[in-house]
């Protein structure tokens, strides 16, 4: 695809004008590190979180849980807190990662359970 000077797009067959889109699936450990440690939060995710809080579609407690992801200043304070905890040897990376992944999986399960209940389907059996 190539964008022409007048804003139209066309297909070019010559190889110098090709581009490739690669899609990669993260493991939960990589996703935790990217989101919670590096604070590389996708814009769409943070804007959806802010919109849900503004429209009061979620409880006010979610603001505390989502604070590392909402805006640039909250992400900066989160990074400062992580650095301070790490410097004072109070940060247990593996414990925090395990808790974060457990909460993430619980939210996914809750979302699918609520969707099934809304459709009138029975609940899924809990994996052990």
Foldseek 3Di string as FASTA:
>chain_A
DDQDPVGDDDDDDDVVPDDDDDDDDDDLLVVCCVCQAVVPADPVVLVVVVVCVVVVVDDPVVCVVCQCHNDDVSVVVSNVVVVVCVVVVNDDPVVVSVVVVVVVVVVVLVVVQVVCVVVVHDHDDDDD
